[in-house]
Protein backbone atom coordinates (compact mmCIF):
# COMPACT_ATOMS: atom_id res chain seq x y z
CA MET A 1 -6.98 20.92 -12.75
CA ASN A 2 -6.98 17.32 -11.51
CA LEU A 3 -4.61 15.50 -10.10
CA LEU A 4 -4.07 13.32 -13.46
CA GLU A 5 -4.68 17.04 -15.59
CA ARG A 6 -1.88 18.53 -13.27
CA ILE A 7 0.33 15.33 -14.46
CA ASP A 8 -0.68 16.04 -17.59
CA HIS A 9 0.37 19.58 -17.96
CA TRP A 10 3.96 19.14 -16.80
CA ALA A 11 4.52 16.42 -19.34
CA ALA A 12 3.43 19.45 -22.40
CA VAL A 13 5.36 22.11 -20.16
CA ALA A 14 8.36 20.45 -19.65
CA PRO A 15 8.61 17.78 -21.31
CA THR A 16 12.16 17.16 -20.27
CA ALA A 17 12.21 17.54 -17.02
CA THR A 18 13.41 14.95 -14.36
CA ALA A 19 10.27 12.85 -13.07
CA HIS A 20 11.46 10.35 -11.21
CA ILE A 21 15.51 9.34 -10.45
CA SER A 22 16.11 5.46 -9.02
CA GLY A 23 19.93 4.67 -9.58
CA ASP A 24 21.50 5.50 -12.90
CA ARG A 25 17.89 5.62 -14.14
CA LYS A 26 16.41 8.55 -15.40
CA LEU A 27 12.28 9.53 -16.48
CA THR A 28 11.58 12.77 -17.86
CA PHE A 29 8.01 13.89 -17.46
CA GLY A 30 7.12 13.52 -20.95
CA GLN A 31 8.49 10.01 -21.26
CA LEU A 32 5.95 9.63 -17.84
CA GLY A 33 3.26 11.13 -20.24
CA ALA A 34 4.01 9.37 -23.09
CA HIS A 35 4.28 5.89 -21.75
CA ALA A 36 1.35 5.83 -19.35
CA ASN A 37 -0.50 7.25 -22.29
CA ALA A 38 0.09 4.47 -24.52
CA LEU A 39 -0.15 1.41 -21.63
CA ALA A 40 -3.38 3.18 -20.89
CA GLY A 41 -4.16 2.33 -24.97
CA GLN A 42 -3.07 -1.55 -24.73
CA LEU A 43 -4.71 -2.25 -21.45
CA GLN A 44 -8.38 -0.86 -23.04
CA GLU A 45 -8.05 -2.72 -25.70
CA ARG A 46 -6.61 -6.03 -24.43
CA CYS A 47 -8.64 -5.56 -20.76
CA GLY A 48 -12.11 -4.18 -22.10
CA LYS A 49 -14.34 -2.06 -20.01
CA ASP A 50 -13.96 -4.09 -16.62
CA ARG A 51 -13.00 -1.91 -14.14
CA VAL A 52 -10.70 -5.12 -12.01
CA PRO A 53 -7.38 -3.89 -10.71
CA VAL A 54 -4.20 -3.91 -12.10
CA ALA A 55 -1.43 -5.61 -9.29
CA VAL A 56 2.06 -3.36 -10.31
CA LEU A 57 5.26 -5.99 -9.05
CA GLY A 58 8.48 -4.13 -8.85
CA HIS A 59 10.94 -2.07 -7.33
CA ARG A 60 11.02 1.78 -7.35
CA GLU A 61 11.48 0.92 -10.81
CA PRO A 62 10.66 3.89 -13.59
CA GLU A 63 8.76 2.07 -14.97
CA MET A 64 6.42 1.01 -11.85
CA LEU A 65 5.51 5.18 -12.00
CA ILE A 66 4.40 4.70 -16.03
CA ALA A 67 1.98 1.61 -14.78
CA PHE A 68 0.84 3.50 -12.00
CA ILE A 69 -0.64 6.54 -14.45
CA GLY A 70 -1.62 4.13 -17.33
CA VAL A 71 -3.94 1.87 -15.52
CA VAL A 72 -5.52 4.80 -13.76
CA LYS A 73 -6.03 6.00 -16.88
CA SER A 74 -7.20 2.84 -18.12
CA GLY A 75 -10.58 3.30 -15.39
CA ARG A 76 -8.17 0.83 -13.39
CA PRO A 77 -6.73 1.05 -9.90
CA TYR A 78 -3.69 -0.45 -9.28
CA ILE A 79 -2.35 -2.97 -6.57
CA PRO A 80 1.42 -1.58 -5.91
CA ILE A 81 3.68 -4.31 -4.46
CA ASP A 82 7.24 -4.45 -3.76
CA THR A 83 9.55 -7.47 -5.37
CA ASP A 84 10.89 -7.66 -1.53
CA LEU A 85 7.69 -9.50 -0.16
CA PRO A 86 8.45 -13.08 -0.05
CA HIS A 87 6.15 -15.15 -2.58
CA GLU A 88 3.65 -16.77 -0.78
CA ARG A 89 3.02 -13.12 1.02
CA ILE A 90 2.13 -11.54 -3.05
CA ASN A 91 0.01 -14.50 -3.76
CA HIS A 92 -2.23 -13.83 -1.27
CA ILE A 93 -2.38 -10.64 -2.01
CA LEU A 94 -3.21 -12.05 -5.56
CA ALA A 95 -5.18 -14.42 -4.15
CA ILE A 96 -7.64 -11.85 -2.71
CA ALA A 97 -7.47 -9.45 -5.56
CA LYS A 98 -7.55 -10.95 -8.11
CA PRO A 99 -6.12 -9.05 -10.66
CA THR A 100 -7.05 -8.81 -14.50
CA LEU A 101 -3.02 -8.68 -14.94
CA VAL A 102 0.30 -8.43 -12.82
CA LEU A 103 2.28 -5.69 -14.46
CA THR A 104 6.56 -6.36 -13.93
CA PRO A 105 8.95 -3.14 -15.28
CA HIS A 106 9.65 -5.93 -18.29
CA GLU A 107 5.57 -6.20 -19.20
CA THR A 108 5.38 -2.37 -18.14
CA ALA A 109 7.86 -1.19 -21.05
CA LYS A 110 7.43 -3.44 -23.80
CA LEU A 111 3.63 -2.97 -23.47
CA SER A 112 4.19 1.13 -23.27
CA ALA A 113 6.43 1.03 -26.27
CA LEU A 114 3.51 -0.31 -29.22
CA GLY A 115 0.79 1.14 -30.35
CA LYS A 116 -0.85 4.49 -30.07
CA SER A 117 -2.12 6.16 -26.80
CA ALA A 118 -5.52 6.16 -26.48
CA PRO A 119 -8.18 8.79 -25.11
CA PRO A 120 -7.80 7.97 -21.24
CA ASP A 121 -10.78 5.97 -19.92
CA ARG A 122 -11.69 9.35 -17.33
CA LEU A 123 -12.32 8.10 -13.39
CA ARG A 124 -15.01 9.65 -11.44
CA PRO A 125 -14.38 10.98 -8.36
CA ASP A 126 -15.35 7.66 -6.62
CA ASP A 127 -14.11 5.18 -8.51
CA PRO A 128 -10.77 3.53 -6.85
CA PHE A 129 -7.26 4.78 -7.17
CA TYR A 130 -5.11 2.56 -5.84
CA ILE A 131 -5.59 -0.19 -3.41
CA ILE A 132 -2.93 -0.92 -1.04
CA PHE A 133 -2.41 -3.68 1.19
CA THR A 134 -1.26 -3.98 4.77
CA SER A 135 -1.19 -6.39 7.74
CA GLY A 136 -3.88 -8.04 8.80
CA SER A 137 -5.01 -10.09 12.27
CA SER A 138 -6.05 -13.26 10.59
CA GLY A 139 -2.64 -13.44 8.71
CA THR A 140 -4.13 -12.52 5.86
CA PRO A 141 -3.12 -8.85 4.13
CA LYS A 142 -6.35 -6.92 3.80
CA GLY A 143 -6.42 -4.66 0.95
CA ILE A 144 -7.56 -0.78 1.47
CA VAL A 145 -9.47 0.78 -1.65
CA VAL A 146 -8.44 4.44 -1.72
CA THR A 147 -9.89 6.29 -4.69
CA LEU A 148 -9.45 9.25 -6.82
CA SER A 149 -11.58 12.40 -4.57
CA CYS A 150 -10.11 10.75 -0.84
CA LEU A 151 -6.60 11.63 -2.20
CA GLU A 152 -7.02 14.79 -4.49
CA HIS A 153 -8.77 15.76 -0.99
CA PHE A 154 -5.70 14.84 0.61
CA ILE A 155 -3.17 16.28 -2.20
CA ARG A 156 -5.35 19.76 -2.14
CA TRP A 157 -4.39 19.77 1.38
CA MET A 158 -1.16 19.56 0.99
CA LEU A 159 -0.30 21.82 -1.50
CA ARG A 160 -1.95 24.49 0.51
CA GLU A 161 -0.32 23.72 3.65
CA GLN A 162 3.42 22.87 2.69
CA LYS A 163 3.50 25.55 -0.47
CA PHE A 164 6.18 23.53 -2.91
CA ILE A 165 7.86 25.57 -5.00
CA GLU A 166 6.38 24.02 -8.63
CA ALA A 167 9.29 22.56 -10.48
CA ASP A 168 11.96 23.52 -7.65
CA GLU A 169 10.86 20.49 -5.59
CA ILE A 170 13.02 17.16 -5.15
CA PHE A 171 11.24 14.58 -2.76
CA LEU A 172 13.22 11.69 -1.13
CA ASN A 173 11.16 8.57 -1.63
CA GLN A 174 12.45 6.72 0.72
CA ALA A 175 8.82 3.98 1.24
CA PRO A 176 8.44 0.96 -1.20
CA PHE A 177 5.32 1.86 -2.93
CA SER A 178 3.66 -0.89 -1.58
CA PHE A 179 3.69 1.06 2.06
CA ASP A 180 1.24 4.19 1.65
CA LEU A 181 3.95 6.74 3.06
CA SER A 182 5.20 6.67 -0.69
CA VAL A 183 1.55 8.33 -1.70
CA MET A 184 3.10 12.34 -0.06
CA ASP A 185 6.38 11.97 -1.95
CA LEU A 186 4.85 9.90 -4.80
CA TYR A 187 1.98 12.71 -5.96
CA CYS A 188 3.28 15.73 -4.16
CA SER A 189 6.29 15.72 -6.47
CA LEU A 190 4.22 14.78 -10.01
CA VAL A 191 1.56 17.38 -9.58
CA THR A 192 3.66 19.82 -8.98
CA GLY A 193 6.68 19.14 -11.90
CA GLY A 194 8.93 17.87 -8.92
CA THR A 195 11.02 15.12 -9.15
CA LEU A 196 11.23 11.74 -6.57
CA LEU A 197 14.34 10.45 -5.64
CA SER A 198 13.80 6.37 -4.67
CA ILE A 199 16.52 5.84 -2.59
CA SER A 200 17.04 1.59 -2.90
CA ARG A 201 17.59 -1.52 -0.69
CA ASP A 202 20.90 -1.44 -1.44
CA LEU A 203 21.44 2.02 -0.45
CA VAL A 204 19.82 1.29 2.65
CA ALA A 205 21.48 -1.50 3.35
CA SER A 206 24.73 0.39 3.05
CA PRO A 207 25.45 3.29 4.70
CA LYS A 208 28.59 4.92 2.97
CA LEU A 209 26.33 4.64 -0.41
CA LEU A 210 23.72 6.06 1.01
CA TYR A 211 24.95 9.22 2.79
CA ARG A 212 26.76 9.75 -0.62
CA ALA A 213 23.53 9.77 -2.65
CA LEU A 214 21.62 12.16 -0.21
CA ALA A 215 24.67 14.06 -1.06
CA ASP A 216 24.61 14.46 -4.36
CA SER A 217 21.03 14.90 -4.23
CA ASN A 218 19.91 18.13 -3.24
CA ILE A 219 16.58 17.24 -1.48
CA THR A 220 14.40 19.94 -0.64
CA THR A 221 11.38 17.96 0.60
CA TRP A 222 12.77 14.93 3.43
CA VAL A 223 9.56 12.51 3.64
CA SER A 224 9.97 8.89 5.85
CA THR A 225 9.33 7.49 8.74
CA PRO A 226 10.97 8.42 12.32
CA SER A 227 13.25 5.70 12.47
CA PHE A 228 14.73 5.89 9.04
CA ALA A 229 15.52 9.48 10.19
CA GLU A 230 16.93 8.59 13.39
CA MET A 231 19.37 6.13 11.76
CA CYS A 232 20.64 8.72 9.24
CA LEU A 233 21.54 10.54 12.26
CA VAL A 234 23.85 8.58 13.94
CA GLU A 235 25.72 9.69 11.23
CA ARG A 236 27.74 13.21 12.44
CA THR A 237 27.64 14.51 8.93
CA PHE A 238 24.07 14.38 8.57
CA ASN A 239 23.28 17.81 8.64
CA ARG A 240 23.07 21.27 7.31
CA ALA A 241 26.31 20.83 4.94
CA LEU A 242 25.27 17.28 3.92
CA LEU A 243 21.57 18.43 2.26
CA GLN A 244 22.15 22.29 1.77
CA ARG A 245 18.50 22.24 0.17
CA VAL A 246 16.19 20.75 2.19
CA ARG A 247 13.06 22.88 4.08
CA ARG A 248 11.04 20.59 5.07
CA PHE A 249 11.10 17.38 6.97
CA LEU A 250 7.37 15.64 6.74
CA PHE A 251 6.94 12.36 8.67
CA CYS A 252 4.42 10.04 8.75
CA GLY A 253 3.55 6.12 10.27
CA GLU A 254 4.82 6.09 13.36
CA ILE A 255 5.54 8.18 16.25
CA LEU A 256 8.25 11.05 16.32
CA LEU A 257 10.20 11.64 19.34
CA PRO A 258 11.06 14.59 20.36
CA ASP A 259 15.08 14.00 20.71
CA THR A 260 14.36 13.18 17.10
CA ALA A 261 12.90 16.66 16.29
CA ARG A 262 15.15 18.28 18.32
CA LEU A 263 17.91 16.61 16.65
CA LEU A 264 17.04 17.63 13.29
CA LEU A 265 16.46 21.28 14.15
CA ASP A 266 20.06 21.08 15.32
CA ARG A 267 21.80 20.13 12.35
CA PHE A 268 19.06 22.23 10.18
CA PRO A 269 18.99 25.35 10.91
CA GLY A 270 16.33 26.63 8.74
CA ALA A 271 13.97 23.89 8.22
CA GLU A 272 10.96 23.00 9.43
CA VAL A 273 9.82 19.12 10.73
CA TRP A 274 6.41 18.57 10.69
CA ASN A 275 4.65 15.49 12.54
CA MET A 276 1.57 13.62 10.95
CA TYR A 277 -0.84 10.97 12.41
CA GLY A 278 -3.40 8.91 9.43
CA PRO A 279 -3.74 5.50 8.95
CA THR A 280 -3.49 4.13 5.71
CA GLU A 281 -7.66 4.17 5.72
CA THR A 282 -8.05 7.87 5.91
CA THR A 283 -5.69 8.41 2.82
CA LEU A 284 -2.12 8.26 4.70
CA ALA A 285 -2.52 11.40 6.81
CA THR A 286 -5.20 13.80 8.58
CA THR A 287 -3.91 15.19 10.68
CA SER A 288 -0.20 17.47 10.81
CA VAL A 289 1.75 19.83 13.08
CA ARG A 290 5.30 21.77 12.97
CA ILE A 291 7.10 21.17 15.57
CA ASP A 292 9.26 23.86 16.86
CA ARG A 293 11.23 24.70 19.70
CA ASP A 294 8.15 25.98 21.39
CA ILE A 295 6.25 22.20 21.39
CA LEU A 296 9.60 20.81 22.31
CA GLU A 297 9.78 22.55 25.60
CA LYS A 298 5.83 22.53 26.26
CA TYR A 299 5.45 18.89 25.83
CA SER A 300 7.28 15.54 26.69
CA ALA A 301 5.12 13.58 23.86
CA LEU A 302 4.63 15.52 20.03
CA PRO A 303 1.19 16.29 19.41
CA VAL A 304 0.14 14.65 15.83
CA GLY A 305 -1.81 18.26 15.11
CA ARG A 306 -4.73 19.66 14.17
CA PRO A 307 -7.42 17.61 10.95
CA MET A 308 -6.99 18.67 7.77
CA PRO A 309 -10.18 21.17 6.62
CA GLY A 310 -13.23 19.16 5.61
CA THR A 311 -12.65 16.30 7.87
CA GLU A 312 -13.23 15.84 11.52
CA VAL A 313 -11.70 13.93 14.00
CA PHE A 314 -13.52 13.21 17.11
CA LEU A 315 -13.11 10.79 19.64
CA THR A 316 -15.72 8.40 21.25
CA ASP A 317 -15.55 5.74 24.14
CA GLU A 318 -17.16 1.74 23.54
CA LYS A 319 -20.19 2.58 22.35
CA ARG A 320 -19.33 4.86 19.64
CA LYS A 321 -20.49 8.24 21.86
CA ILE A 322 -18.99 11.52 21.35
CA LEU A 323 -16.20 11.83 24.33
CA PRO A 324 -15.64 15.74 26.08
CA LEU A 325 -12.26 17.17 25.50
CA GLY A 326 -9.30 16.10 27.07
CA SER A 327 -11.08 13.12 27.48
CA ARG A 328 -9.34 9.46 26.05
CA GLY A 329 -10.89 7.68 23.42
CA GLU A 330 -10.96 6.10 20.27
CA ILE A 331 -9.77 8.06 17.30
CA VAL A 332 -12.72 8.33 15.38
CA ILE A 333 -11.90 10.41 11.51
CA LYS A 334 -15.08 12.21 9.11
CA GLY A 335 -14.23 13.09 5.62
CA PRO A 336 -14.54 12.43 2.13
CA ASN A 337 -10.43 11.22 2.34
CA VAL A 338 -11.98 7.90 3.93
CA SER A 339 -11.78 5.28 2.30
CA PRO A 340 -14.86 3.76 0.63
CA ALA A 341 -14.31 -0.11 1.86
CA TYR A 342 -11.92 -3.07 2.42
CA LEU A 343 -11.33 -5.10 -1.28
CA ALA A 344 -13.83 -8.13 -1.06
CA ARG A 345 -13.80 -8.04 3.25
CA PRO A 346 -18.07 -6.63 3.79
CA ASP A 347 -17.21 -7.87 7.27
CA LEU A 348 -14.06 -5.81 7.95
CA THR A 349 -16.23 -2.73 5.98
CA ALA A 350 -18.70 -3.12 8.57
CA ALA A 351 -16.58 -3.58 12.22
CA ARG A 352 -14.88 -0.31 10.90
CA PHE A 353 -16.30 2.02 8.27
CA PHE A 354 -19.72 3.63 8.79
CA GLU A 355 -21.95 7.11 7.83
CA GLU A 356 -21.88 10.16 9.74
CA GLY A 357 -24.37 12.52 8.30
CA SER A 358 -23.52 12.15 4.53
CA GLN A 359 -19.68 11.55 5.22
CA ARG A 360 -17.99 8.01 5.54
CA ALA A 361 -16.59 7.25 8.82
CA TYR A 362 -13.88 5.12 10.55
CA ARG A 363 -12.93 3.65 13.74
CA THR A 364 -9.47 3.64 13.50
CA GLY A 365 -8.41 1.43 16.42
CA ASP A 366 -6.15 4.68 18.50
CA TRP A 367 -6.23 5.70 21.57
CA GLY A 368 -6.04 9.84 21.78
CA ARG A 369 -6.93 12.91 23.35
CA PHE A 370 -7.09 16.46 23.09
CA ARG A 371 -4.67 18.78 24.36
CA ASP A 372 -4.62 23.07 23.66
CA GLY A 373 -6.36 21.81 20.19
CA SER A 374 -4.12 19.26 19.58
CA LEU A 375 -4.50 15.81 19.14
CA PHE A 376 -2.10 13.09 20.84
CA PHE A 377 -2.05 9.65 19.53
CA GLU A 378 -1.89 7.21 22.83
CA GLY A 379 -1.02 3.83 21.16
CA ARG A 380 -3.20 1.06 20.01
CA ILE A 381 -6.30 -0.52 21.28
CA ASP A 382 -5.72 -3.70 20.10
CA ASN A 383 -2.30 -5.69 18.58
CA GLN A 384 -1.50 -3.66 15.89
CA ILE A 385 1.55 -1.72 16.69
CA LYS A 386 3.54 0.15 14.40
CA LEU A 387 7.37 -0.62 13.39
CA ASN A 388 9.96 1.52 11.72
CA GLY A 389 6.64 2.60 9.59
CA TYR A 390 5.18 -0.75 8.97
CA ARG A 391 2.02 -1.06 10.30
CA ILE A 392 1.95 -4.81 11.78
CA GLU A 393 -1.15 -6.76 13.63
CA LEU A 394 0.83 -9.33 16.16
CA GLY A 395 -2.01 -11.34 15.33
CA ASP A 396 -0.78 -11.96 11.39
CA LEU A 397 2.50 -12.36 13.04
CA GLU A 398 1.46 -15.26 15.56
CA ALA A 399 -0.93 -16.67 12.48
CA ASN A 400 1.94 -17.36 10.48
CA LEU A 401 4.13 -18.45 13.70
CA ARG A 402 1.35 -20.87 14.57
CA ALA A 403 1.15 -22.23 10.75
CA LEU A 404 4.73 -23.98 10.25
CA PRO A 405 5.06 -27.38 11.07
CA MET A 406 7.18 -27.22 14.63
CA VAL A 407 5.36 -24.39 16.13
CA ARG A 408 2.62 -25.57 18.48
CA ASP A 409 1.80 -22.08 19.83
CA ALA A 410 3.64 -19.00 19.16
CA ALA A 411 2.96 -15.10 20.92
CA VAL A 412 4.30 -12.32 19.52
CA LEU A 413 5.41 -9.15 21.96
CA PRO A 414 6.25 -5.32 20.95
CA VAL A 415 9.38 -4.16 22.80
CA VAL A 416 8.98 -0.73 23.29
CA LYS A 417 11.09 2.22 24.79
CA ASN A 418 10.98 5.99 25.26
CA GLY A 419 7.01 5.49 24.08
CA LYS A 420 7.94 3.88 20.66
CA VAL A 421 8.67 -0.06 19.64
CA GLN A 422 12.06 -1.16 18.72
CA TRP A 423 12.03 -4.20 17.88
CA LEU A 424 9.65 -8.03 18.43
CA ALA A 425 9.99 -10.81 20.64
CA GLY A 426 8.84 -14.32 19.28
CA PHE A 427 7.60 -16.83 21.86
CA VAL A 428 7.24 -20.30 20.98
CA VAL A 429 5.86 -23.21 21.72
CA PRO A 430 7.73 -26.59 20.07
CA SER A 431 4.87 -28.94 18.59
CA THR A 432 5.30 -32.59 20.00
CA ASP A 433 7.67 -33.82 17.38
CA PHE A 434 10.23 -30.87 17.79
CA GLU A 435 12.43 -30.06 20.51
CA ALA A 436 12.49 -27.40 22.68
CA ARG A 437 16.26 -27.51 23.69
CA ASP A 438 17.03 -27.87 19.79
CA PRO A 439 19.49 -24.99 19.31
CA GLY A 440 18.88 -25.08 15.55
CA LEU A 441 15.36 -24.63 16.40
CA THR A 442 15.37 -20.64 16.03
CA THR A 443 17.34 -20.41 12.67
CA THR A 444 15.00 -23.07 11.37
CA LEU A 445 12.70 -20.86 12.79
CA ARG A 446 13.96 -17.58 10.82
CA GLU A 447 14.37 -19.35 7.75
CA ARG A 448 10.49 -21.12 7.20
CA LEU A 449 9.10 -17.52 8.85
CA ARG A 450 11.08 -15.76 6.21
CA GLU A 451 9.47 -17.72 3.35
CA ARG A 452 6.17 -16.52 4.51
CA LEU A 453 6.90 -12.77 5.84
CA PRO A 454 8.57 -9.57 4.72
CA ALA A 455 11.87 -9.06 6.50
CA TYR A 456 9.68 -5.79 8.68
CA MET A 457 7.57 -8.10 9.99
CA MET A 458 10.13 -10.49 11.62
CA PRO A 459 11.09 -10.93 15.45
CA ARG A 460 14.50 -9.98 16.30
CA LYS A 461 14.60 -12.75 19.09
CA PHE A 462 12.90 -16.14 19.75
CA VAL A 463 12.76 -17.03 22.95
CA ILE A 464 11.49 -20.96 23.16
CA LYS A 465 8.86 -21.89 26.26
CA ASP A 466 7.14 -25.80 26.85
CA ALA A 467 4.53 -24.05 27.89
CA PHE A 468 2.51 -20.55 27.93
CA PRO A 469 1.80 -19.18 31.38
CA ILE A 470 -1.59 -18.28 31.71
CA THR A 471 -4.02 -16.00 33.52
CA ALA A 472 -7.06 -16.42 35.69
CA ASN A 473 -9.33 -15.95 32.72
CA GLY A 474 -7.53 -18.56 30.75
CA LYS A 475 -6.04 -16.28 28.02
CA VAL A 476 -1.54 -16.06 27.71
CA ASP A 477 -0.17 -14.51 30.45
CA ARG A 478 1.69 -11.82 27.78
CA ARG A 479 2.72 -9.57 31.18
CA LYS A 480 5.07 -12.67 32.36
CA LEU A 481 6.17 -13.57 28.89
CA ALA A 482 7.49 -9.70 28.56
CA GLU A 483 8.90 -10.15 31.81
CA SER A 484 11.20 -13.02 30.27
CA LEU A 485 12.92 -11.35 27.73
């Protein structure tokens, strides 16, 4: 069975089983199947046979799952967009993607309640399944196309490696659906007849409510960024007594620190801790390793593991020459999980993607090194960083700062502790119409930037400068800026 057939299987054999929980709302597999099929029929009738993407705008509502599956069954890819994003960011994405339709939860509920379902417009393996937008260095987000075959290759690997128990798993959904980490919990849950438990922004903002929800959750599979787990570990009662059924912790999206893994092993005896690595362009994750106490004793920085079967990972120099084992180089990923392209960006596609033999390959822009057969991530080559699991191009942030009328020049630096980005610092040279010592300038910067960028990209601190220090070759001296913090 392919991915969609697996989901339909659970709608047929376990229609009353819970597929999704979000707050006090539940969606069964039977409801998911019936409403997704009805939505697919409506989309086929209204949109014809075009393959233009459909945008799905919401925040963890059950209707988002109905929209994802219904859109794909209509023969189109979906674009997940979270309502937490600023309107300007959403408008940028819509302007690039030019979707045939924008589905809100209300619109999805209305359309999926109309008429009878139509036969699904079956996707071919190389057809786009979803398009996720990430930060772009020019200040404009970029869309990454993931095909059905890419996703199925990833899911098959996860099922073989993790050995999920069918109809007996409850997956934590911490990441918004617009963030590719959510693909792991969403589709591993749906294809195994499990339950997806979404943690809303309201719960994350209220630790007391969050721990109460976790205690009632019966989660068996924890999927999150390491930062979210670190936040939870601050609470001493975050232990086996709170999550009595948890079997595994799956981490991806940023660096997993040894202390975090050690605390999880101490507090959750019997649970497995997995570290994974892979950019969105390679369908979320490409390598994995189970972190045990032997690994913690052996390495000061944790490995990100070995590649999934059928996929190759190798390191190259600046001339794309493959380097010998033990050398530090750019991580290149080749295999059936590699995206075919960026949406409507042939220039970016040509710069990052290439054919190697008969398979696609992707230049990640990450430094890496192999030791003892495992890959170790050693940071970014360019100005891209990971913060709380989100991939952020510092150039994106700087471009949006410079677009503000009160800013003449801007630079953004990550503040790193223990090899991990903790927060961002924004340095600003005001335009001539604004005083550098104006006490209200920082507040104005925050307010105006918040209109343009999501909260996870906001600098924690702004430093106002009369001018930036310059290096000998005429570039901003970022080292001296960092020293001024």
